[in-house]
């Protein structure tokens, strides 16, 4: 309701896909804008009320998106397919080596 009152008609979700966790020296997850995706089709479990339950994570994401749609608000999910944690092991690199990921010496 608050977004509608502001006149918002579209929300963009920054990367919400399951990502590779990077840790600092103390074992804390470091913030990296979520652009080290591991599984594009699975939502990141740390955004859920029950991170150990993937079904709950998917249910909550779908519920949120449905609520936006019911309020007349479109949802855009930010996906950048060439932003991955280990490019050399990613499917795109395996299919056509050297095409999707470019490296400088």
PDB file of N, CA and C in Angstrom:
ATOM      1  N   UNK A   1       0.824  -1.200   0.000  1.00  0.00           N
ATOM      2  CA  UNK A   1       0.000   0.000   0.000  1.00  0.00           C
ATOM      3  C   UNK A   1       0.861   1.254   0.000  1.00  0.00           C
ATOM      4  N   UNK A   2       1.946   1.210   0.756  1.00  0.00           N
ATOM      5  CA  UNK A   2       2.835   2.371   0.841  1.00  0.00           C
ATOM      6  C   UNK A   2       3.438   2.691  -0.522  1.00  0.00           C
ATOM      7  N   UNK A   3       3.899   1.680  -1.223  1.00  0.00           N
ATOM      8  CA  UNK A   3       4.460   1.905  -2.561  1.00  0.00           C
ATOM      9  C   UNK A   3       3.418   2.487  -3.502  1.00  0.00           C
ATOM     10  N   UNK A   4       2.195   1.976  -3.431  1.00  0.00           N
ATOM     11  CA  UNK A   4       1.128   2.500  -4.297  1.00  0.00           C
ATOM     12  C   UNK A   4       0.868   3.967  -3.981  1.00  0.00           C
ATOM     13  N   UNK A   5       0.878   4.330  -2.689  1.00  0.00           N
ATOM     14  CA  UNK A   5       0.661   5.721  -2.304  1.00  0.00           C
ATOM     15  C   UNK A   5       1.757   6.624  -2.854  1.00  0.00           C
ATOM     16  N   UNK A   6       2.957   6.080  -2.989  1.00  0.00           N
ATOM     17  CA  UNK A   6       4.066   6.854  -3.550  1.00  0.00           C
ATOM     18  C   UNK A   6       3.959   6.979  -5.073  1.00  0.00           C
ATOM     19  N   UNK A   7       3.074   6.194  -5.671  1.00  0.00           N
ATOM     20  CA  UNK A   7       2.930   6.224  -7.124  1.00  0.00           C
ATOM     21  C   UNK A   7       3.843   5.237  -7.832  1.00  0.00           C
ATOM     22  N   UNK A   8       4.440   4.318  -7.086  1.00  0.00           N
ATOM     23  CA  UNK A   8       5.332   3.315  -7.681  1.00  0.00           C
ATOM     24  C   UNK A   8       4.495   2.340  -8.494  1.00  0.00           C
ATOM     25  N   UNK A   9       4.941   2.059  -9.726  1.00  0.00           N
ATOM     26  CA  UNK A   9       4.226   1.065 -10.526  1.00  0.00           C
ATOM     27  C   UNK A   9       5.137  -0.080 -10.970  1.00  0.00           C
ATOM     28  N   UNK A  10       6.433   0.014 -10.647  1.00  0.00           N
ATOM     29  CA  UNK A  10       7.381  -1.053 -10.959  1.00  0.00           C
ATOM     30  C   UNK A  10       8.418  -1.119  -9.835  1.00  0.00           C
ATOM     31  N   UNK A  11       8.736  -2.338  -9.385  1.00  0.00           N
ATOM     32  CA  UNK A  11       9.855  -2.528  -8.466  1.00  0.00           C
ATOM     33  C   UNK A  11      10.868  -3.428  -9.154  1.00  0.00           C
ATOM     34  N   UNK A  12      12.133  -3.168  -8.883  1.00  0.00           N
ATOM     35  CA  UNK A  12      13.203  -4.012  -9.422  1.00  0.00           C
ATOM     36  C   UNK A  12      13.864  -4.729  -8.258  1.00  0.00           C
ATOM     37  N   UNK A  13      13.925  -6.048  -8.372  1.00  0.00           N
ATOM     38  CA  UNK A  13      14.601  -6.844  -7.360  1.00  0.00           C
ATOM     39  C   UNK A  13      16.034  -7.045  -7.812  1.00  0.00           C
ATOM     40  N   UNK A  14      16.974  -6.541  -7.035  1.00  0.00           N
ATOM     41  CA  UNK A  14      18.388  -6.767  -7.331  1.00  0.00           C
ATOM     42  C   UNK A  14      18.602  -8.267  -7.351  1.00  0.00           C
ATOM     43  N   UNK A  15      19.734  -8.750  -7.747  1.00  0.00           N
ATOM     44  CA  UNK A  15      19.863 -10.202  -7.889  1.00  0.00           C
ATOM     45  C   UNK A  15      19.313 -10.956  -6.680  1.00  0.00           C
ATOM     46  N   UNK A  16      18.394 -11.866  -6.966  1.00  0.00           N
ATOM     47  CA  UNK A  16      17.776 -12.663  -5.905  1.00  0.00           C
ATOM     48  C   UNK A  16      18.116 -14.141  -6.062  1.00  0.00           C
ATOM     49  N   UNK A  17      18.955 -14.469  -7.034  1.00  0.00           N
ATOM     50  CA  UNK A  17      19.304 -15.867  -7.279  1.00  0.00           C
ATOM     51  C   UNK A  17      20.286 -16.384  -6.238  1.00  0.00           C
ATOM     52  N   UNK A  18      20.249 -17.700  -6.056  1.00  0.00           N
ATOM     53  CA  UNK A  18      21.162 -18.367  -5.136  1.00  0.00           C
ATOM     54  C   UNK A  18      22.595 -18.028  -5.518  1.00  0.00           C
ATOM     55  N   UNK A  19      23.383 -17.643  -4.542  1.00  0.00           N
ATOM     56  CA  UNK A  19      24.732 -17.188  -4.841  1.00  0.00           C
ATOM     57  C   UNK A  19      25.766 -17.946  -4.019  1.00  0.00           C
ATOM     58  N   UNK A  20      26.968 -17.844  -4.492  1.00  0.00           N
ATOM     59  CA  UNK A  20      28.102 -18.423  -3.784  1.00  0.00           C
ATOM     60  C   UNK A  20      28.452 -17.495  -2.636  1.00  0.00           C
ATOM     61  N   UNK A  21      28.540 -18.001  -1.450  1.00  0.00           N
ATOM     62  CA  UNK A  21      28.839 -17.164  -0.289  1.00  0.00           C
ATOM     63  C   UNK A  21      30.350 -16.939  -0.172  1.00  0.00           C
ATOM     64  N   UNK A  22      30.732 -15.684  -0.010  1.00  0.00           N
ATOM     65  CA  UNK A  22      32.128 -15.362   0.233  1.00  0.00           C
ATOM     66  C   UNK A  22      32.256 -14.920   1.695  1.00  0.00           C
ATOM     67  N   UNK A  23      33.296 -15.386   2.347  1.00  0.00           N
ATOM     68  CA  UNK A  23      33.454 -15.128   3.775  1.00  0.00           C
ATOM     69  C   UNK A  23      34.733 -14.348   4.039  1.00  0.00           C
ATOM     70  N   UNK A  24      34.679 -13.507   5.085  1.00  0.00           N
ATOM     71  CA  UNK A  24      35.875 -12.794   5.502  1.00  0.00           C
ATOM     72  C   UNK A  24      36.629 -13.648   6.529  1.00  0.00           C
ATOM     73  N   UNK A  25      37.669 -13.071   7.124  1.00  0.00           N
ATOM     74  CA  UNK A  25      38.520 -13.819   8.048  1.00  0.00           C
ATOM     75  C   UNK A  25      37.767 -14.313   9.280  1.00  0.00           C
ATOM     76  N   UNK A  26      36.704 -13.611   9.681  1.00  0.00           N
ATOM     77  CA  UNK A  26      35.931 -14.006  10.858  1.00  0.00           C
ATOM     78  C   UNK A  26      34.777 -14.947  10.521  1.00  0.00           C
ATOM     79  N   UNK A  27      34.656 -15.346   9.255  1.00  0.00           N
ATOM     80  CA  UNK A  27      33.592 -16.260   8.861  1.00  0.00           C
ATOM     81  C   UNK A  27      32.278 -15.591   8.537  1.00  0.00           C
ATOM     82  N   UNK A  28      32.271 -14.254   8.479  1.00  0.00           N
ATOM     83  CA  UNK A  28      31.039 -13.534   8.130  1.00  0.00           C
ATOM     84  C   UNK A  28      30.909 -13.469   6.615  1.00  0.00           C
ATOM     85  N   UNK A  29      29.663 -13.563   6.139  1.00  0.00           N
ATOM     86  CA  UNK A  29      29.407 -13.444   4.708  1.00  0.00           C
ATOM     87  C   UNK A  29      29.666 -12.003   4.299  1.00  0.00           C
ATOM     88  N   UNK A  30      30.457 -11.800   3.262  1.00  0.00           N
ATOM     89  CA  UNK A  30      30.749 -10.449   2.776  1.00  0.00           C
ATOM     90  C   UNK A  30      29.689 -10.021   1.784  1.00  0.00           C
ATOM     91  N   UNK A  31      29.428  -8.718   1.744  1.00  0.00           N
ATOM     92  CA  UNK A  31      28.402  -8.176   0.850  1.00  0.00           C
ATOM     93  C   UNK A  31      29.002  -7.932  -0.527  1.00  0.00           C
ATOM     94  N   UNK A  32      28.362  -8.416  -1.550  1.00  0.00           N
ATOM     95  CA  UNK A  32      28.910  -8.261  -2.900  1.00  0.00           C
ATOM     96  C   UNK A  32      27.830  -8.007  -3.937  1.00  0.00           C
ATOM     97  N   UNK A  33      26.691  -7.457  -3.539  1.00  0.00           N
ATOM     98  CA  UNK A  33      25.591  -7.148  -4.442  1.00  0.00           C
ATOM     99  C   UNK A  33      24.982  -8.393  -5.078  1.00  0.00           C
ATOM    100  N   UNK A  34      25.360  -9.563  -4.629  1.00  0.00           N
ATOM    101  CA  UNK A  34      24.767 -10.823  -5.092  1.00  0.00           C
ATOM    102  C   UNK A  34      25.086 -11.142  -6.545  1.00  0.00           C
ATOM    103  N   UNK A  35      26.154 -10.616  -7.061  1.00  0.00           N
ATOM    104  CA  UNK A  35      26.515 -10.882  -8.455  1.00  0.00           C
ATOM    105  C   UNK A  35      27.514 -12.024  -8.590  1.00  0.00           C
ATOM    106  N   UNK A  36      27.494 -12.947  -7.664  1.00  0.00           N
ATOM    107  CA  UNK A  36      28.330 -14.137  -7.784  1.00  0.00           C
ATOM    108  C   UNK A  36      27.408 -15.353  -7.788  1.00  0.00           C
ATOM    109  N   UNK A  37      26.501 -15.336  -8.732  1.00  0.00           N
ATOM    110  CA  UNK A  37      25.412 -16.311  -8.782  1.00  0.00           C
ATOM    111  C   UNK A  37      25.921 -17.731  -8.976  1.00  0.00           C
ATOM    112  N   UNK A  38      25.262 -18.632  -8.287  1.00  0.00           N
ATOM    113  CA  UNK A  38      25.579 -20.047  -8.409  1.00  0.00           C
ATOM    114  C   UNK A  38      24.429 -20.785  -9.097  1.00  0.00           C
ATOM    115  N   UNK A  39      23.190 -20.446  -8.775  1.00  0.00           N
ATOM    116  CA  UNK A  39      22.020 -21.114  -9.343  1.00  0.00           C
ATOM    117  C   UNK A  39      20.979 -20.061  -9.736  1.00  0.00           C
ATOM    118  N   UNK A  40      20.910 -19.732 -11.016  1.00  0.00           N
ATOM    119  CA  UNK A  40      20.010 -18.666 -11.459  1.00  0.00           C
ATOM    120  C   UNK A  40      18.539 -18.967 -11.239  1.00  0.00           C
ATOM    121  N   UNK A  41      18.132 -20.199 -11.263  1.00  0.00           N
ATOM    122  CA  UNK A  41      16.707 -20.526 -11.166  1.00  0.00           C
ATOM    123  C   UNK A  41      16.233 -20.717  -9.725  1.00  0.00           C
ATOM    124  N   UNK A  42      17.120 -20.592  -8.774  1.00  0.00           N
ATOM    125  CA  UNK A  42      16.746 -20.786  -7.375  1.00  0.00           C
ATOM    126  C   UNK A  42      16.910 -19.480  -6.606  1.00  0.00           C
ATOM    127  N   UNK A  43      15.899 -19.096  -5.817  1.00  0.00           N
ATOM    128  CA  UNK A  43      16.046 -17.873  -5.034  1.00  0.00           C
ATOM    129  C   UNK A  43      17.044 -18.054  -3.892  1.00  0.00           C
ATOM    130  N   UNK A  44      17.733 -16.988  -3.565  1.00  0.00           N
ATOM    131  CA  UNK A  44      18.708 -16.985  -2.470  1.00  0.00           C
ATOM    132  C   UNK A  44      17.998 -17.265  -1.149  1.00  0.00           C
ATOM    133  N   UNK A  45      18.420 -18.302  -0.458  1.00  0.00           N
ATOM    134  CA  UNK A  45      17.735 -18.733   0.756  1.00  0.00           C
ATOM    135  C   UNK A  45      17.905 -17.774   1.936  1.00  0.00           C
ATOM    136  N   UNK A  46      18.968 -16.978   1.951  1.00  0.00           N
ATOM    137  CA  UNK A  46      19.171 -16.075   3.089  1.00  0.00           C
ATOM    138  C   UNK A  46      18.118 -14.965   3.140  1.00  0.00           C
ATOM    139  N   UNK A  47      17.343 -14.784   2.069  1.00  0.00           N
ATOM    140  CA  UNK A  47      16.270 -13.790   2.076  1.00  0.00           C
ATOM    141  C   UNK A  47      14.997 -14.345   2.706  1.00  0.00           C
ATOM    142  N   UNK A  48      14.996 -15.607   3.068  1.00  0.00           N
ATOM    143  CA  UNK A  48      13.805 -16.282   3.575  1.00  0.00           C
ATOM    144  C   UNK A  48      13.735 -16.240   5.094  1.00  0.00           C
ATOM    145  N   UNK A  49      12.537 -16.453   5.609  1.00  0.00           N
ATOM    146  CA  UNK A  49      12.372 -16.577   7.063  1.00  0.00           C
ATOM    147  C   UNK A  49      12.881 -17.925   7.557  1.00  0.00           C
ATOM    148  N   UNK A  50      13.058 -18.877   6.625  1.00  0.00           N
ATOM    149  CA  UNK A  50      13.575 -20.196   6.973  1.00  0.00           C
ATOM    150  C   UNK A  50      14.602 -20.616   5.921  1.00  0.00           C
ATOM    151  N   UNK A  51      15.836 -20.106   6.017  1.00  0.00           N
ATOM    152  CA  UNK A  51      16.852 -20.361   4.997  1.00  0.00           C
ATOM    153  C   UNK A  51      17.174 -21.834   4.770  1.00  0.00           C
ATOM    154  N   UNK A  52      16.845 -22.686   5.725  1.00  0.00           N
ATOM    155  CA  UNK A  52      17.147 -24.106   5.556  1.00  0.00           C
ATOM    156  C   UNK A  52      16.069 -24.843   4.762  1.00  0.00           C
ATOM    157  N   UNK A  53      15.016 -24.143   4.393  1.00  0.00           N
ATOM    158  CA  UNK A  53      13.891 -24.769   3.705  1.00  0.00           C
ATOM    159  C   UNK A  53      13.696 -24.127   2.329  1.00  0.00           C
ATOM    160  N   UNK A  54      14.245 -24.718   1.261  1.00  0.00           N
ATOM    161  CA  UNK A  54      14.125 -24.127  -0.074  1.00  0.00           C
ATOM    162  C   UNK A  54      12.679 -23.934  -0.520  1.00  0.00           C
ATOM    163  N   UNK A  55      11.790 -24.835  -0.141  1.00  0.00           N
ATOM    164  CA  UNK A  55      10.381 -24.685  -0.525  1.00  0.00           C
ATOM    165  C   UNK A  55       9.780 -23.428   0.096  1.00  0.00           C
ATOM    166  N   UNK A  56      10.141 -23.154   1.343  1.00  0.00           N
ATOM    167  CA  UNK A  56       9.645 -21.944   2.010  1.00  0.00           C
ATOM    168  C   UNK A  56      10.188 -20.703   1.313  1.00  0.00           C
ATOM    169  N   UNK A  57      11.447 -20.751   0.917  1.00  0.00           N
ATOM    170  CA  UNK A  57      12.057 -19.621   0.212  1.00  0.00           C
ATOM    171  C   UNK A  57      11.293 -19.324  -1.072  1.00  0.00           C
ATOM    172  N   UNK A  58      11.015 -20.355  -1.860  1.00  0.00           N
ATOM    173  CA  UNK A  58      10.272 -20.162  -3.117  1.00  0.00           C
ATOM    174  C   UNK A  58       8.859 -19.666  -2.851  1.00  0.00           C
ATOM    175  N   UNK A  59       8.205 -20.216  -1.828  1.00  0.00           N
ATOM    176  CA  UNK A  59       6.852 -19.800  -1.489  1.00  0.00           C
ATOM    177  C   UNK A  59       6.809 -18.316  -1.121  1.00  0.00           C
ATOM    178  N   UNK A  60       7.765 -17.882  -0.312  1.00  0.00           N
ATOM    179  CA  UNK A  60       7.787 -16.474   0.106  1.00  0.00           C
ATOM    180  C   UNK A  60       8.044 -15.542  -1.068  1.00  0.00           C
ATOM    181  N   UNK A  61       8.950 -15.920  -1.958  1.00  0.00           N
ATOM    182  CA  UNK A  61       9.215 -15.085  -3.133  1.00  0.00           C
ATOM    183  C   UNK A  61       7.966 -14.971  -4.001  1.00  0.00           C
ATOM    184  N   UNK A  62       7.312 -16.104  -4.246  1.00  0.00           N
ATOM    185  CA  UNK A  62       6.091 -16.086  -5.060  1.00  0.00           C
ATOM    186  C   UNK A  62       4.987 -15.267  -4.399  1.00  0.00           C
ATOM    187  N   UNK A  63       4.876 -15.376  -3.086  1.00  0.00           N
ATOM    188  CA  UNK A  63       3.867 -14.610  -2.352  1.00  0.00           C
ATOM    189  C   UNK A  63       4.129 -13.118  -2.477  1.00  0.00           C
ATOM    190  N   UNK A  64       5.396 -12.717  -2.360  1.00  0.00           N
ATOM    191  CA  UNK A  64       5.747 -11.307  -2.485  1.00  0.00           C
ATOM    192  C   UNK A  64       5.428 -10.787  -3.885  1.00  0.00           C
ATOM    193  N   UNK A  65       5.835 -11.533  -4.895  1.00  0.00           N
ATOM    194  CA  UNK A  65       5.585 -11.096  -6.276  1.00  0.00           C
ATOM    195  C   UNK A  65       4.086 -11.025  -6.554  1.00  0.00           C
ATOM    196  N   UNK A  66       3.341 -12.008  -6.081  1.00  0.00           N
ATOM    197  CA  UNK A  66       1.886 -12.004  -6.261  1.00  0.00           C
ATOM    198  C   UNK A  66       1.271 -10.766  -5.607  1.00  0.00           C
ATOM    199  N   UNK A  67       1.735 -10.411  -4.414  1.00  0.00           N
ATOM    200  CA  UNK A  67       1.203  -9.243  -3.712  1.00  0.00           C
ATOM    201  C   UNK A  67       1.470  -7.963  -4.503  1.00  0.00           C
ATOM    202  N   UNK A  68       2.671  -7.844  -5.069  1.00  0.00           N
ATOM    203  CA  UNK A  68       2.960  -6.681  -5.918  1.00  0.00           C
ATOM    204  C   UNK A  68       2.019  -6.642  -7.114  1.00  0.00           C
ATOM    205  N   UNK A  69       1.856  -7.771  -7.777  1.00  0.00           N
ATOM    206  CA  UNK A  69       0.981  -7.820  -8.949  1.00  0.00           C
ATOM    207  C   UNK A  69      -0.460  -7.473  -8.581  1.00  0.00           C
ATOM    208  N   UNK A  70      -0.940  -7.997  -7.469  1.00  0.00           N
ATOM    209  CA  UNK A  70      -2.308  -7.697  -7.031  1.00  0.00           C
ATOM    210  C   UNK A  70      -2.478  -6.216  -6.719  1.00  0.00           C
ATOM    211  N   UNK A  71      -1.389  -5.557  -6.352  1.00  0.00           N
ATOM    212  CA  UNK A  71      -1.424  -4.115  -6.078  1.00  0.00           C
ATOM    213  C   UNK A  71      -1.220  -3.293  -7.347  1.00  0.00           C
ATOM    214  N   UNK A  72      -1.093  -3.978  -8.493  1.00  0.00           N
ATOM    215  CA  UNK A  72      -0.896  -3.269  -9.755  1.00  0.00           C
ATOM    216  C   UNK A  72       0.532  -2.825  -9.975  1.00  0.00           C
ATOM    217  N   UNK A  73       1.469  -3.453  -9.298  1.00  0.00           N
ATOM    218  CA  UNK A  73       2.881  -3.093  -9.408  1.00  0.00           C
ATOM    219  C   UNK A  73       3.618  -4.211 -10.146  1.00  0.00           C
ATOM    220  N   UNK A  74       4.320  -3.835 -11.199  1.00  0.00           N
ATOM    221  CA  UNK A  74       5.114  -4.806 -11.958  1.00  0.00           C
ATOM    222  C   UNK A  74       6.405  -5.119 -11.214  1.00  0.00           C
ATOM    223  N   UNK A  75       6.951  -6.305 -11.471  1.00  0.00           N
ATOM    224  CA  UNK A  75       8.189  -6.736 -10.832  1.00  0.00           C
ATOM    225  C   UNK A  75       9.211  -7.067 -11.911  1.00  0.00           C
ATOM    226  N   UNK A  76      10.389  -6.465 -11.802  1.00  0.00           N
ATOM    227  CA  UNK A  76      11.505  -6.750 -12.693  1.00  0.00           C
ATOM    228  C   UNK A  76      12.582  -7.419 -11.855  1.00  0.00           C
ATOM    229  N   UNK A  77      13.036  -8.570 -12.307  1.00  0.00           N
ATOM    230  CA  UNK A  77      14.102  -9.260 -11.575  1.00  0.00           C
ATOM    231  C   UNK A  77      15.411  -9.065 -12.328  1.00  0.00           C
ATOM    232  N   UNK A  78      16.386  -8.490 -11.642  1.00  0.00           N
ATOM    233  CA  UNK A  78      17.693  -8.201 -12.228  1.00  0.00           C
ATOM    234  C   UNK A  78      18.475  -9.501 -12.384  1.00  0.00           C
ATOM    235  N   UNK A  79      18.815  -9.824 -13.618  1.00  0.00           N
ATOM    236  CA  UNK A  79      19.597 -11.028 -13.903  1.00  0.00           C
ATOM    237  C   UNK A  79      20.708 -10.637 -14.876  1.00  0.00           C
ATOM    238  N   UNK A  80      21.938 -10.934 -14.522  1.00  0.00           N
ATOM    239  CA  UNK A  80      23.079 -10.691 -15.400  1.00  0.00           C
ATOM    240  C   UNK A  80      23.782 -12.030 -15.565  1.00  0.00           C
ATOM    241  N   UNK A  81      23.542 -12.680 -16.692  1.00  0.00           N
ATOM    242  CA  UNK A  81      23.963 -14.067 -16.854  1.00  0.00           C
ATOM    243  C   UNK A  81      25.475 -14.268 -16.942  1.00  0.00           C
ATOM    244  N   UNK A  82      26.218 -13.215 -17.170  1.00  0.00           N
ATOM    245  CA  UNK A  82      27.672 -13.420 -17.214  1.00  0.00           C
ATOM    246  C   UNK A  82      28.355 -13.011 -15.914  1.00  0.00           C
ATOM    247  N   UNK A  83      27.581 -12.731 -14.876  1.00  0.00           N
ATOM    248  CA  UNK A  83      28.152 -12.459 -13.559  1.00  0.00           C
ATOM    249  C   UNK A  83      28.010 -13.723 -12.721  1.00  0.00           C
ATOM    250  N   UNK A  84      29.083 -14.466 -12.642  1.00  0.00           N
ATOM    251  CA  UNK A  84      29.063 -15.727 -11.908  1.00  0.00           C
ATOM    252  C   UNK A  84      30.302 -15.815 -11.033  1.00  0.00           C
ATOM    253  N   UNK A  85      30.279 -16.750 -10.104  1.00  0.00           N
ATOM    254  CA  UNK A  85      31.399 -16.873  -9.184  1.00  0.00           C
ATOM    255  C   UNK A  85      32.622 -17.485  -9.844  1.00  0.00           C
ATOM    256  N   UNK A  86      32.463 -18.595 -10.539  1.00  0.00           N
ATOM    257  CA  UNK A  86      33.593 -19.271 -11.177  1.00  0.00           C
ATOM    258  C   UNK A  86      33.318 -19.395 -12.675  1.00  0.00           C
ATOM    259  N   UNK A  87      33.685 -18.362 -13.421  1.00  0.00           N
ATOM    260  CA  UNK A  87      33.372 -18.321 -14.848  1.00  0.00           C
ATOM    261  C   UNK A  87      33.956 -19.499 -15.612  1.00  0.00           C
ATOM    262  N   UNK A  88      35.141 -19.944 -15.250  1.00  0.00           N
ATOM    263  CA  UNK A  88      35.769 -21.036 -15.994  1.00  0.00           C
ATOM    264  C   UNK A  88      35.004 -22.350 -15.858  1.00  0.00           C
ATOM    265  N   UNK A  89      34.169 -22.478 -14.827  1.00  0.00           N
ATOM    266  CA  UNK A  89      33.387 -23.696 -14.635  1.00  0.00           C
ATOM    267  C   UNK A  89      31.934 -23.535 -15.055  1.00  0.00           C
ATOM    268  N   UNK A  90      31.539 -22.322 -15.436  1.00  0.00           N
ATOM    269  CA  UNK A  90      30.143 -22.062 -15.768  1.00  0.00           C
ATOM    270  C   UNK A  90      29.784 -22.619 -17.143  1.00  0.00           C
ATOM    271  N   UNK A  91      28.529 -22.974 -17.330  1.00  0.00           N
ATOM    272  CA  UNK A  91      28.087 -23.632 -18.563  1.00  0.00           C
ATOM    273  C   UNK A  91      28.420 -22.825 -19.822  1.00  0.00           C
ATOM    274  N   UNK A  92      28.249 -21.499 -19.782  1.00  0.00           N
ATOM    275  CA  UNK A  92      28.528 -20.700 -20.977  1.00  0.00           C
ATOM    276  C   UNK A  92      29.980 -20.872 -21.422  1.00  0.00           C
ATOM    277  N   UNK A  93      30.883 -20.883 -20.462  1.00  0.00           N
ATOM    278  CA  UNK A  93      32.299 -21.042 -20.796  1.00  0.00           C
ATOM    279  C   UNK A  93      32.582 -22.446 -21.316  1.00  0.00           C
ATOM    280  N   UNK A  94      31.880 -23.424 -20.817  1.00  0.00           N
ATOM    281  CA  UNK A  94      32.064 -24.799 -21.265  1.00  0.00           C
ATOM    282  C   UNK A  94      31.543 -24.990 -22.689  1.00  0.00           C
ATOM    283  N   UNK A  95      30.461 -24.309 -23.041  1.00  0.00           N
ATOM    284  CA  UNK A  95      29.855 -24.456 -24.366  1.00  0.00           C
ATOM    285  C   UNK A  95      30.705 -23.782 -25.438  1.00  0.00           C
ATOM    286  N   UNK A  96      31.072 -22.509 -25.191  1.00  0.00           N
ATOM    287  CA  UNK A  96      31.874 -21.754 -26.159  1.00  0.00           C
ATOM    288  C   UNK A  96      33.005 -21.064 -25.404  1.00  0.00           C
ATOM    289  N   UNK A  97      34.109 -21.757 -25.186  1.00  0.00           N
ATOM    290  CA  UNK A  97      35.210 -21.176 -24.402  1.00  0.00           C
ATOM    291  C   UNK A  97      35.711 -19.853 -24.986  1.00  0.00           C
ATOM    292  N   UNK A  98      35.897 -18.878 -24.090  1.00  0.00           N
ATOM    293  CA  UNK A  98      36.456 -17.604 -24.491  1.00  0.00           C
ATOM    294  C   UNK A  98      35.480 -16.630 -25.121  1.00  0.00           C
ATOM    295  N   UNK A  99      34.212 -16.998 -25.257  1.00  0.00           N
ATOM    296  CA  UNK A  99      33.249 -16.101 -25.922  1.00  0.00           C
ATOM    297  C   UNK A  99      32.509 -15.213 -24.920  1.00  0.00           C
ATOM    298  N   UNK A 100      31.954 -15.794 -23.881  1.00  0.00           N
ATOM    299  CA  UNK A 100      31.147 -15.042 -22.945  1.00  0.00           C
ATOM    300  C   UNK A 100      31.965 -14.304 -21.889  1.00  0.00           C
ATOM    301  N   UNK A 101      33.109 -14.840 -21.543  1.00  0.00           N
ATOM    302  CA  UNK A 101      33.953 -14.241 -20.519  1.00  0.00           C
ATOM    303  C   UNK A 101      35.273 -13.863 -21.130  1.00  0.00           C
ATOM    304  N   UNK A 102      35.622 -12.594 -21.023  1.00  0.00           N
ATOM    305  CA  UNK A 102      36.872 -12.097 -21.593  1.00  0.00           C
ATOM    306  C   UNK A 102      37.795 -11.716 -20.451  1.00  0.00           C
ATOM    307  N   UNK A 103      39.038 -12.098 -20.571  1.00  0.00           N
ATOM    308  CA  UNK A 103      40.003 -11.805 -19.528  1.00  0.00           C
ATOM    309  C   UNK A 103      41.193 -11.049 -20.130  1.00  0.00           C
ATOM    310  N   UNK A 104      41.691 -10.093 -19.366  1.00  0.00           N
ATOM    311  CA  UNK A 104      42.920  -9.384 -19.742  1.00  0.00           C
ATOM    312  C   UNK A 104      44.066  -9.981 -18.944  1.00  0.00           C
ATOM    313  N   UNK A 105      45.230  -9.976 -19.536  1.00  0.00           N
ATOM    314  CA  UNK A 105      46.397 -10.498 -18.828  1.00  0.00           C
ATOM    315  C   UNK A 105      46.613  -9.699 -17.554  1.00  0.00           C
TER     316      UNK A 105
END
